[in-house]
């Protein structure tokens, strides 16, 4: 049986950032991956391993090493995609809105905007008979639960 590990505040923050910034990280990952795959072999005959210790001198090996370094990002993106797809529809809507307003600051921050939009989207998607009201306390609790669930799964997959 695996030993239980208590999650630290730092590990929770890592998971929070992945949840909030996943679309940005996914875009950057795709660009970096394409850049590595499209890079042409060096025309220079200089042995780079003599200049930079630990650097692979052959261009194909170098490209492979760069792709391998992107593996951790790909693992996190897979985790987030799996996590999102397992969420109930209400929480998927909440997460999407939370991401939209992630950079809102000030007295009310992101909560007022998410609260208002969530109500409208729930009524539009589920129907006018549904009570789409969500309190700040509920939003805070949902967020904490989602971060904790993600952190536990990240631990299970060896990402933390």
N, C-alpha and C. Protein backbone atom coordinates (compact mmCIF):
# COMPACT_ATOMS: atom_id res chain seq x y z
N UNK A 1 0.84 -1.18 0.00
CA UNK A 1 0.00 0.00 0.00
C UNK A 1 0.88 1.24 0.00
N UNK A 2 0.63 2.22 -0.90
CA UNK A 2 1.49 3.39 -0.94
C UNK A 2 1.34 4.23 0.32
N UNK A 3 2.44 4.81 0.72
CA UNK A 3 2.43 5.63 1.92
C UNK A 3 1.71 6.95 1.63
N UNK A 4 0.85 7.37 2.56
CA UNK A 4 0.11 8.62 2.39
C UNK A 4 1.07 9.79 2.56
N UNK A 5 0.99 10.71 1.65
CA UNK A 5 1.84 11.89 1.71
C UNK A 5 0.94 13.11 1.87
N UNK A 6 1.19 13.91 2.86
CA UNK A 6 0.41 15.12 3.06
C UNK A 6 0.83 16.15 2.02
N UNK A 7 -0.15 16.76 1.40
CA UNK A 7 0.13 17.75 0.36
C UNK A 7 0.57 19.06 0.98
N UNK A 8 1.57 19.66 0.38
CA UNK A 8 2.06 20.94 0.88
C UNK A 8 1.36 22.08 0.16
N UNK A 9 1.48 23.25 0.71
CA UNK A 9 0.89 24.44 0.09
C UNK A 9 1.50 24.66 -1.30
N UNK A 10 2.79 24.41 -1.43
CA UNK A 10 3.47 24.59 -2.71
C UNK A 10 2.93 23.61 -3.76
N UNK A 11 2.69 22.37 -3.38
CA UNK A 11 2.13 21.40 -4.31
C UNK A 11 0.72 21.80 -4.75
N UNK A 12 -0.05 22.31 -3.82
CA UNK A 12 -1.39 22.80 -4.17
C UNK A 12 -1.31 23.99 -5.11
N UNK A 13 -0.34 24.87 -4.91
CA UNK A 13 -0.18 26.03 -5.80
C UNK A 13 0.21 25.58 -7.20
N UNK A 14 1.04 24.57 -7.31
CA UNK A 14 1.43 24.02 -8.62
C UNK A 14 0.17 23.54 -9.34
N UNK A 15 -0.66 22.81 -8.63
CA UNK A 15 -1.89 22.28 -9.23
C UNK A 15 -2.85 23.41 -9.59
N UNK A 16 -2.93 24.42 -8.75
CA UNK A 16 -3.78 25.58 -9.05
C UNK A 16 -3.34 26.25 -10.34
N UNK A 17 -2.04 26.45 -10.48
CA UNK A 17 -1.53 27.10 -11.70
C UNK A 17 -1.80 26.26 -12.94
N UNK A 18 -1.63 24.94 -12.82
CA UNK A 18 -1.91 24.08 -13.96
C UNK A 18 -3.39 24.15 -14.33
N UNK A 19 -4.27 24.16 -13.33
CA UNK A 19 -5.71 24.26 -13.62
C UNK A 19 -6.06 25.59 -14.29
N UNK A 20 -5.52 26.67 -13.76
CA UNK A 20 -5.85 28.00 -14.27
C UNK A 20 -5.22 28.30 -15.62
N UNK A 21 -3.99 27.90 -15.81
CA UNK A 21 -3.23 28.30 -16.99
C UNK A 21 -3.05 27.17 -18.01
N UNK A 22 -3.81 26.10 -17.89
CA UNK A 22 -3.69 24.97 -18.80
C UNK A 22 -3.80 25.37 -20.27
N UNK A 23 -4.77 26.20 -20.66
CA UNK A 23 -4.84 26.56 -22.09
C UNK A 23 -3.57 27.26 -22.58
N UNK A 24 -2.99 28.13 -21.78
CA UNK A 24 -1.76 28.83 -22.15
C UNK A 24 -0.59 27.85 -22.22
N UNK A 25 -0.50 26.97 -21.23
CA UNK A 25 0.59 26.00 -21.21
C UNK A 25 0.48 25.02 -22.37
N UNK A 26 -0.74 24.66 -22.72
CA UNK A 26 -0.96 23.75 -23.84
C UNK A 26 -0.52 24.39 -25.16
N UNK A 27 -0.85 25.64 -25.32
CA UNK A 27 -0.46 26.38 -26.53
C UNK A 27 1.07 26.49 -26.62
N UNK A 28 1.71 26.85 -25.51
CA UNK A 28 3.17 26.97 -25.48
C UNK A 28 3.83 25.61 -25.75
N UNK A 29 3.25 24.56 -25.19
CA UNK A 29 3.78 23.21 -25.41
C UNK A 29 3.71 22.84 -26.89
N UNK A 30 2.57 23.09 -27.53
CA UNK A 30 2.41 22.77 -28.94
C UNK A 30 3.42 23.53 -29.80
N UNK A 31 3.61 24.81 -29.47
CA UNK A 31 4.58 25.62 -30.22
C UNK A 31 6.00 25.09 -30.04
N UNK A 32 6.35 24.76 -28.80
CA UNK A 32 7.70 24.24 -28.54
C UNK A 32 7.91 22.90 -29.23
N UNK A 33 6.90 22.06 -29.21
CA UNK A 33 7.00 20.74 -29.84
C UNK A 33 7.16 20.88 -31.35
N UNK A 34 6.36 21.75 -31.96
CA UNK A 34 6.47 21.98 -33.40
C UNK A 34 7.83 22.55 -33.76
N UNK A 35 8.32 23.45 -32.92
CA UNK A 35 9.62 24.07 -33.17
C UNK A 35 10.72 23.00 -33.17
N UNK A 36 10.65 22.08 -32.23
CA UNK A 36 11.65 21.03 -32.15
C UNK A 36 11.54 20.09 -33.35
N UNK A 37 10.31 19.72 -33.69
CA UNK A 37 10.12 18.79 -34.81
C UNK A 37 10.49 19.40 -36.15
N UNK A 38 10.27 20.69 -36.30
CA UNK A 38 10.56 21.36 -37.57
C UNK A 38 12.00 21.84 -37.69
N UNK A 39 12.75 21.78 -36.60
CA UNK A 39 14.13 22.25 -36.65
C UNK A 39 14.94 21.37 -37.59
N UNK A 40 15.73 22.03 -38.41
CA UNK A 40 16.53 21.27 -39.37
C UNK A 40 17.87 20.91 -38.74
N UNK A 41 18.46 19.85 -39.22
CA UNK A 41 19.77 19.47 -38.70
C UNK A 41 20.79 20.58 -38.94
N UNK A 42 21.68 20.72 -38.01
CA UNK A 42 22.70 21.76 -38.11
C UNK A 42 23.64 21.48 -39.28
N UNK A 43 23.96 22.53 -40.00
CA UNK A 43 24.89 22.37 -41.11
C UNK A 43 26.33 22.48 -40.63
N UNK A 44 26.49 22.92 -39.41
CA UNK A 44 27.82 23.08 -38.85
C UNK A 44 28.41 21.72 -38.50
N UNK A 45 29.68 21.55 -38.76
CA UNK A 45 30.36 20.30 -38.46
C UNK A 45 31.03 20.35 -37.08
N UNK A 46 30.78 21.41 -36.31
CA UNK A 46 31.38 21.55 -35.00
C UNK A 46 30.73 20.56 -34.04
N UNK A 47 31.56 19.85 -33.28
CA UNK A 47 31.04 18.91 -32.28
C UNK A 47 30.60 19.71 -31.07
N UNK A 48 29.27 19.88 -30.90
CA UNK A 48 28.73 20.72 -29.83
C UNK A 48 29.04 20.14 -28.46
N UNK A 49 29.21 18.83 -28.35
CA UNK A 49 29.49 18.23 -27.05
C UNK A 49 30.85 18.68 -26.51
N UNK A 50 31.75 19.12 -27.39
CA UNK A 50 33.04 19.63 -26.94
C UNK A 50 32.88 21.04 -26.36
N UNK A 51 31.84 21.76 -26.80
CA UNK A 51 31.62 23.13 -26.33
C UNK A 51 30.72 23.15 -25.09
N UNK A 52 29.62 22.41 -25.16
CA UNK A 52 28.65 22.38 -24.07
C UNK A 52 28.61 20.96 -23.50
N UNK A 53 29.20 20.75 -22.32
CA UNK A 53 29.20 19.42 -21.73
C UNK A 53 27.77 18.92 -21.52
N UNK A 54 27.55 17.66 -21.86
CA UNK A 54 26.23 17.06 -21.68
C UNK A 54 25.30 17.26 -22.86
N UNK A 55 25.70 18.08 -23.82
CA UNK A 55 24.87 18.33 -25.01
C UNK A 55 25.16 17.23 -26.03
N UNK A 56 24.15 16.75 -26.66
CA UNK A 56 24.29 15.69 -27.64
C UNK A 56 24.74 16.32 -28.95
N UNK A 57 25.78 15.74 -29.57
CA UNK A 57 26.33 16.36 -30.77
C UNK A 57 25.53 16.03 -32.02
N UNK A 58 24.83 14.91 -32.06
CA UNK A 58 24.10 14.59 -33.27
C UNK A 58 22.72 15.25 -33.23
N UNK A 59 22.31 15.83 -34.35
CA UNK A 59 21.10 16.65 -34.38
C UNK A 59 19.84 15.84 -34.11
N UNK A 60 19.78 14.61 -34.56
CA UNK A 60 18.60 13.78 -34.30
C UNK A 60 18.51 13.47 -32.81
N UNK A 61 19.62 13.14 -32.22
CA UNK A 61 19.65 12.87 -30.77
C UNK A 61 19.29 14.11 -29.98
N UNK A 62 19.77 15.26 -30.44
CA UNK A 62 19.47 16.52 -29.79
C UNK A 62 17.97 16.81 -29.83
N UNK A 63 17.37 16.57 -31.00
CA UNK A 63 15.94 16.78 -31.16
C UNK A 63 15.17 15.84 -30.23
N UNK A 64 15.61 14.60 -30.15
CA UNK A 64 14.98 13.62 -29.26
C UNK A 64 15.08 14.02 -27.80
N UNK A 65 16.23 14.55 -27.42
CA UNK A 65 16.42 15.00 -26.04
C UNK A 65 15.49 16.17 -25.71
N UNK A 66 15.31 17.08 -26.66
CA UNK A 66 14.41 18.22 -26.44
C UNK A 66 12.97 17.74 -26.33
N UNK A 67 12.58 16.78 -27.16
CA UNK A 67 11.22 16.23 -27.08
C UNK A 67 11.00 15.53 -25.75
N UNK A 68 12.02 14.83 -25.29
CA UNK A 68 11.90 14.14 -24.00
C UNK A 68 11.73 15.12 -22.86
N UNK A 69 12.35 16.29 -22.97
CA UNK A 69 12.21 17.29 -21.91
C UNK A 69 10.80 17.87 -21.87
N UNK A 70 10.07 17.73 -22.97
CA UNK A 70 8.68 18.20 -23.01
C UNK A 70 7.72 17.16 -22.44
N UNK A 71 8.22 15.98 -22.12
CA UNK A 71 7.36 14.90 -21.64
C UNK A 71 6.64 15.25 -20.34
N UNK A 72 7.31 15.93 -19.42
CA UNK A 72 6.66 16.29 -18.15
C UNK A 72 5.46 17.21 -18.40
N UNK A 73 5.62 18.14 -19.33
CA UNK A 73 4.51 19.03 -19.66
C UNK A 73 3.37 18.23 -20.27
N UNK A 74 3.70 17.31 -21.16
CA UNK A 74 2.67 16.47 -21.77
C UNK A 74 1.95 15.63 -20.72
N UNK A 75 2.68 15.12 -19.74
CA UNK A 75 2.06 14.34 -18.67
C UNK A 75 1.08 15.18 -17.86
N UNK A 76 1.46 16.42 -17.55
CA UNK A 76 0.56 17.32 -16.83
C UNK A 76 -0.68 17.64 -17.67
N UNK A 77 -0.48 17.90 -18.95
CA UNK A 77 -1.62 18.21 -19.82
C UNK A 77 -2.57 17.02 -19.91
N UNK A 78 -2.03 15.81 -19.99
CA UNK A 78 -2.88 14.61 -19.99
C UNK A 78 -3.67 14.51 -18.69
N UNK A 79 -3.01 14.77 -17.58
CA UNK A 79 -3.67 14.73 -16.28
C UNK A 79 -4.82 15.74 -16.23
N UNK A 80 -4.55 16.97 -16.64
CA UNK A 80 -5.58 18.01 -16.60
C UNK A 80 -6.75 17.64 -17.52
N UNK A 81 -6.46 17.14 -18.71
CA UNK A 81 -7.53 16.73 -19.64
C UNK A 81 -8.38 15.62 -19.04
N UNK A 82 -7.75 14.62 -18.44
CA UNK A 82 -8.48 13.54 -17.79
C UNK A 82 -9.33 14.08 -16.64
N UNK A 83 -8.74 14.97 -15.86
CA UNK A 83 -9.43 15.55 -14.71
C UNK A 83 -10.65 16.35 -15.16
N UNK A 84 -10.47 17.20 -16.16
CA UNK A 84 -11.58 18.02 -16.65
C UNK A 84 -12.72 17.16 -17.18
N UNK A 85 -12.39 16.12 -17.91
CA UNK A 85 -13.45 15.29 -18.49
C UNK A 85 -14.22 14.52 -17.42
N UNK A 86 -13.63 14.34 -16.25
CA UNK A 86 -14.32 13.61 -15.17
C UNK A 86 -15.22 14.53 -14.34
N UNK A 87 -15.11 15.84 -14.54
CA UNK A 87 -15.91 16.77 -13.76
C UNK A 87 -17.36 16.80 -14.23
N UNK A 88 -18.30 17.01 -13.30
CA UNK A 88 -19.69 17.22 -13.71
C UNK A 88 -19.80 18.51 -14.54
N UNK A 89 -20.85 18.62 -15.34
CA UNK A 89 -21.01 19.76 -16.25
C UNK A 89 -20.94 21.10 -15.51
N UNK A 90 -21.56 21.19 -14.35
CA UNK A 90 -21.54 22.46 -13.60
C UNK A 90 -20.11 22.88 -13.26
N UNK A 91 -19.32 21.92 -12.85
CA UNK A 91 -17.93 22.26 -12.48
C UNK A 91 -17.08 22.55 -13.71
N UNK A 92 -17.39 21.93 -14.83
CA UNK A 92 -16.67 22.25 -16.06
C UNK A 92 -16.95 23.70 -16.46
N UNK A 93 -18.20 24.11 -16.34
CA UNK A 93 -18.56 25.50 -16.63
C UNK A 93 -17.84 26.43 -15.67
N UNK A 94 -17.88 26.07 -14.40
CA UNK A 94 -17.21 26.88 -13.37
C UNK A 94 -15.71 27.01 -13.67
N UNK A 95 -15.05 25.91 -14.02
CA UNK A 95 -13.62 25.95 -14.31
C UNK A 95 -13.32 26.82 -15.53
N UNK A 96 -14.12 26.69 -16.56
CA UNK A 96 -13.92 27.52 -17.76
C UNK A 96 -14.06 29.01 -17.41
N UNK A 97 -15.07 29.35 -16.63
CA UNK A 97 -15.26 30.75 -16.23
C UNK A 97 -14.15 31.22 -15.29
N UNK A 98 -13.75 30.35 -14.39
CA UNK A 98 -12.67 30.69 -13.45
C UNK A 98 -11.40 31.02 -14.23
N UNK A 99 -11.15 30.28 -15.31
CA UNK A 99 -9.98 30.55 -16.15
C UNK A 99 -10.13 31.89 -16.87
N UNK A 100 -11.31 32.19 -17.34
CA UNK A 100 -11.53 33.46 -18.05
C UNK A 100 -11.24 34.65 -17.17
N UNK A 101 -11.57 34.55 -15.89
CA UNK A 101 -11.43 35.69 -14.97
C UNK A 101 -10.27 35.50 -14.00
N UNK A 102 -9.31 34.67 -14.35
CA UNK A 102 -8.21 34.35 -13.44
C UNK A 102 -7.35 35.55 -13.06
N UNK A 103 -7.27 36.54 -13.94
CA UNK A 103 -6.41 37.69 -13.68
C UNK A 103 -7.15 38.88 -13.10
N UNK A 104 -8.43 38.73 -12.79
CA UNK A 104 -9.20 39.83 -12.21
C UNK A 104 -8.75 40.07 -10.77
N UNK A 105 -8.52 41.31 -10.47
CA UNK A 105 -8.07 41.69 -9.13
C UNK A 105 -9.03 42.75 -8.60
N UNK A 106 -8.78 43.17 -7.40
CA UNK A 106 -9.59 44.24 -6.83
C UNK A 106 -10.49 43.74 -5.73
N UNK A 107 -11.40 44.61 -5.34
CA UNK A 107 -12.27 44.32 -4.20
C UNK A 107 -13.08 43.05 -4.40
N UNK A 108 -13.64 42.88 -5.57
CA UNK A 108 -14.48 41.71 -5.82
C UNK A 108 -13.72 40.60 -6.55
N UNK A 109 -12.64 40.95 -7.18
CA UNK A 109 -11.83 39.94 -7.87
C UNK A 109 -12.62 39.19 -8.92
N UNK A 110 -12.32 37.92 -9.05
CA UNK A 110 -12.95 37.08 -10.06
C UNK A 110 -14.33 36.58 -9.65
N UNK A 111 -14.63 36.60 -8.36
CA UNK A 111 -15.83 35.92 -7.89
C UNK A 111 -17.14 36.52 -8.42
N UNK A 112 -17.25 37.83 -8.46
CA UNK A 112 -18.50 38.45 -8.92
C UNK A 112 -18.79 38.12 -10.38
N UNK A 113 -17.76 38.23 -11.20
CA UNK A 113 -17.94 37.95 -12.63
C UNK A 113 -18.31 36.48 -12.86
N UNK A 114 -17.62 35.58 -12.18
CA UNK A 114 -17.90 34.16 -12.33
C UNK A 114 -19.30 33.85 -11.82
N UNK A 115 -19.66 34.44 -10.70
CA UNK A 115 -20.98 34.22 -10.11
C UNK A 115 -22.09 34.62 -11.10
N UNK A 116 -21.97 35.76 -11.69
CA UNK A 116 -22.97 36.27 -12.63
C UNK A 116 -23.03 35.41 -13.90
N UNK A 117 -21.87 35.15 -14.48
CA UNK A 117 -21.82 34.37 -15.73
C UNK A 117 -22.26 32.93 -15.51
N UNK A 118 -21.89 32.36 -14.37
CA UNK A 118 -22.27 30.99 -14.07
C UNK A 118 -23.79 30.85 -14.04
N UNK A 119 -24.44 31.76 -13.36
CA UNK A 119 -25.90 31.76 -13.28
C UNK A 119 -26.52 31.79 -14.68
N UNK A 120 -26.03 32.68 -15.53
CA UNK A 120 -26.57 32.80 -16.89
C UNK A 120 -26.32 31.53 -17.71
N UNK A 121 -25.12 30.98 -17.62
CA UNK A 121 -24.79 29.80 -18.42
C UNK A 121 -25.56 28.57 -17.97
N UNK A 122 -25.73 28.40 -16.68
CA UNK A 122 -26.48 27.25 -16.17
C UNK A 122 -27.93 27.35 -16.63
N UNK A 123 -28.50 28.52 -16.53
CA UNK A 123 -29.89 28.69 -16.97
C UNK A 123 -30.02 28.44 -18.48
N UNK A 124 -29.03 28.87 -19.24
CA UNK A 124 -29.08 28.70 -20.69
C UNK A 124 -28.88 27.23 -21.07
N UNK A 125 -27.95 26.54 -20.42
CA UNK A 125 -27.63 25.16 -20.79
C UNK A 125 -28.57 24.13 -20.18
N UNK A 126 -28.95 24.34 -18.94
CA UNK A 126 -29.76 23.34 -18.25
C UNK A 126 -31.24 23.69 -18.31
N UNK A 127 -31.54 24.97 -18.31
CA UNK A 127 -32.93 25.39 -18.42
C UNK A 127 -33.28 26.46 -17.39
N UNK A 128 -34.33 27.23 -17.67
CA UNK A 128 -34.69 28.34 -16.79
C UNK A 128 -35.20 27.87 -15.42
N UNK A 129 -35.62 26.60 -15.33
CA UNK A 129 -36.12 26.09 -14.06
C UNK A 129 -35.00 25.79 -13.08
N UNK A 130 -33.77 25.72 -13.58
CA UNK A 130 -32.62 25.39 -12.72
C UNK A 130 -32.15 26.62 -11.96
N UNK A 131 -31.92 26.44 -10.68
CA UNK A 131 -31.39 27.52 -9.86
C UNK A 131 -29.88 27.57 -10.07
N UNK A 132 -29.42 28.53 -10.86
CA UNK A 132 -28.01 28.61 -11.20
C UNK A 132 -27.19 29.43 -10.22
N UNK A 133 -27.83 29.87 -9.14
CA UNK A 133 -27.10 30.69 -8.19
C UNK A 133 -25.99 29.89 -7.52
N UNK A 134 -24.88 30.54 -7.38
CA UNK A 134 -23.73 29.92 -6.73
C UNK A 134 -23.15 30.97 -5.78
N UNK A 135 -22.94 30.58 -4.56
CA UNK A 135 -22.42 31.52 -3.58
C UNK A 135 -20.90 31.57 -3.65
N UNK A 136 -20.34 32.61 -3.09
CA UNK A 136 -18.88 32.71 -3.04
C UNK A 136 -18.28 31.56 -2.24
N UNK A 137 -18.95 31.20 -1.18
CA UNK A 137 -18.46 30.08 -0.36
C UNK A 137 -18.45 28.79 -1.19
N UNK A 138 -19.49 28.55 -1.98
CA UNK A 138 -19.54 27.37 -2.83
C UNK A 138 -18.41 27.40 -3.85
N UNK A 139 -18.18 28.57 -4.46
CA UNK A 139 -17.09 28.68 -5.44
C UNK A 139 -15.74 28.39 -4.78
N UNK A 140 -15.55 28.93 -3.60
CA UNK A 140 -14.29 28.70 -2.89
C UNK A 140 -14.14 27.22 -2.54
N UNK A 141 -15.20 26.61 -2.07
CA UNK A 141 -15.15 25.19 -1.73
C UNK A 141 -14.91 24.32 -2.96
N UNK A 142 -15.60 24.63 -4.05
CA UNK A 142 -15.38 23.87 -5.28
C UNK A 142 -13.93 23.96 -5.72
N UNK A 143 -13.38 25.17 -5.67
CA UNK A 143 -12.00 25.36 -6.10
C UNK A 143 -11.05 24.54 -5.23
N UNK A 144 -11.23 24.61 -3.91
CA UNK A 144 -10.36 23.86 -3.00
C UNK A 144 -10.47 22.36 -3.25
N UNK A 145 -11.69 21.87 -3.47
CA UNK A 145 -11.89 20.45 -3.73
C UNK A 145 -11.23 20.03 -5.04
N UNK A 146 -11.37 20.86 -6.07
CA UNK A 146 -10.78 20.53 -7.37
C UNK A 146 -9.26 20.50 -7.28
N UNK A 147 -8.68 21.46 -6.61
CA UNK A 147 -7.22 21.51 -6.46
C UNK A 147 -6.73 20.29 -5.69
N UNK A 148 -7.43 19.95 -4.62
CA UNK A 148 -7.04 18.79 -3.82
C UNK A 148 -7.14 17.49 -4.62
N UNK A 149 -8.24 17.33 -5.36
CA UNK A 149 -8.40 16.13 -6.20
C UNK A 149 -7.29 16.03 -7.23
N UNK A 150 -7.00 17.16 -7.88
CA UNK A 150 -5.94 17.16 -8.89
C UNK A 150 -4.59 16.84 -8.26
N UNK A 151 -4.31 17.41 -7.12
CA UNK A 151 -3.04 17.17 -6.45
C UNK A 151 -2.88 15.69 -6.07
N UNK A 152 -3.95 15.10 -5.60
CA UNK A 152 -3.88 13.68 -5.25
C UNK A 152 -3.61 12.81 -6.48
N UNK A 153 -4.27 13.16 -7.59
CA UNK A 153 -4.03 12.39 -8.82
C UNK A 153 -2.62 12.64 -9.36
N UNK A 154 -2.13 13.87 -9.22
CA UNK A 154 -0.76 14.17 -9.66
C UNK A 154 0.24 13.38 -8.84
N UNK A 155 -0.01 13.26 -7.55
CA UNK A 155 0.86 12.43 -6.69
C UNK A 155 0.82 10.98 -7.14
N UNK A 156 -0.38 10.48 -7.41
CA UNK A 156 -0.54 9.10 -7.83
C UNK A 156 0.21 8.82 -9.12
N UNK A 157 0.24 9.81 -10.03
CA UNK A 157 0.92 9.64 -11.31
C UNK A 157 2.40 10.00 -11.24
N UNK A 158 2.87 10.43 -10.08
CA UNK A 158 4.28 10.74 -9.90
C UNK A 158 4.69 12.09 -10.46
N UNK A 159 3.76 13.01 -10.57
CA UNK A 159 4.08 14.34 -11.11
C UNK A 159 4.46 15.33 -10.01
N UNK A 160 4.16 15.03 -8.78
CA UNK A 160 4.53 15.90 -7.66
C UNK A 160 5.54 15.20 -6.78
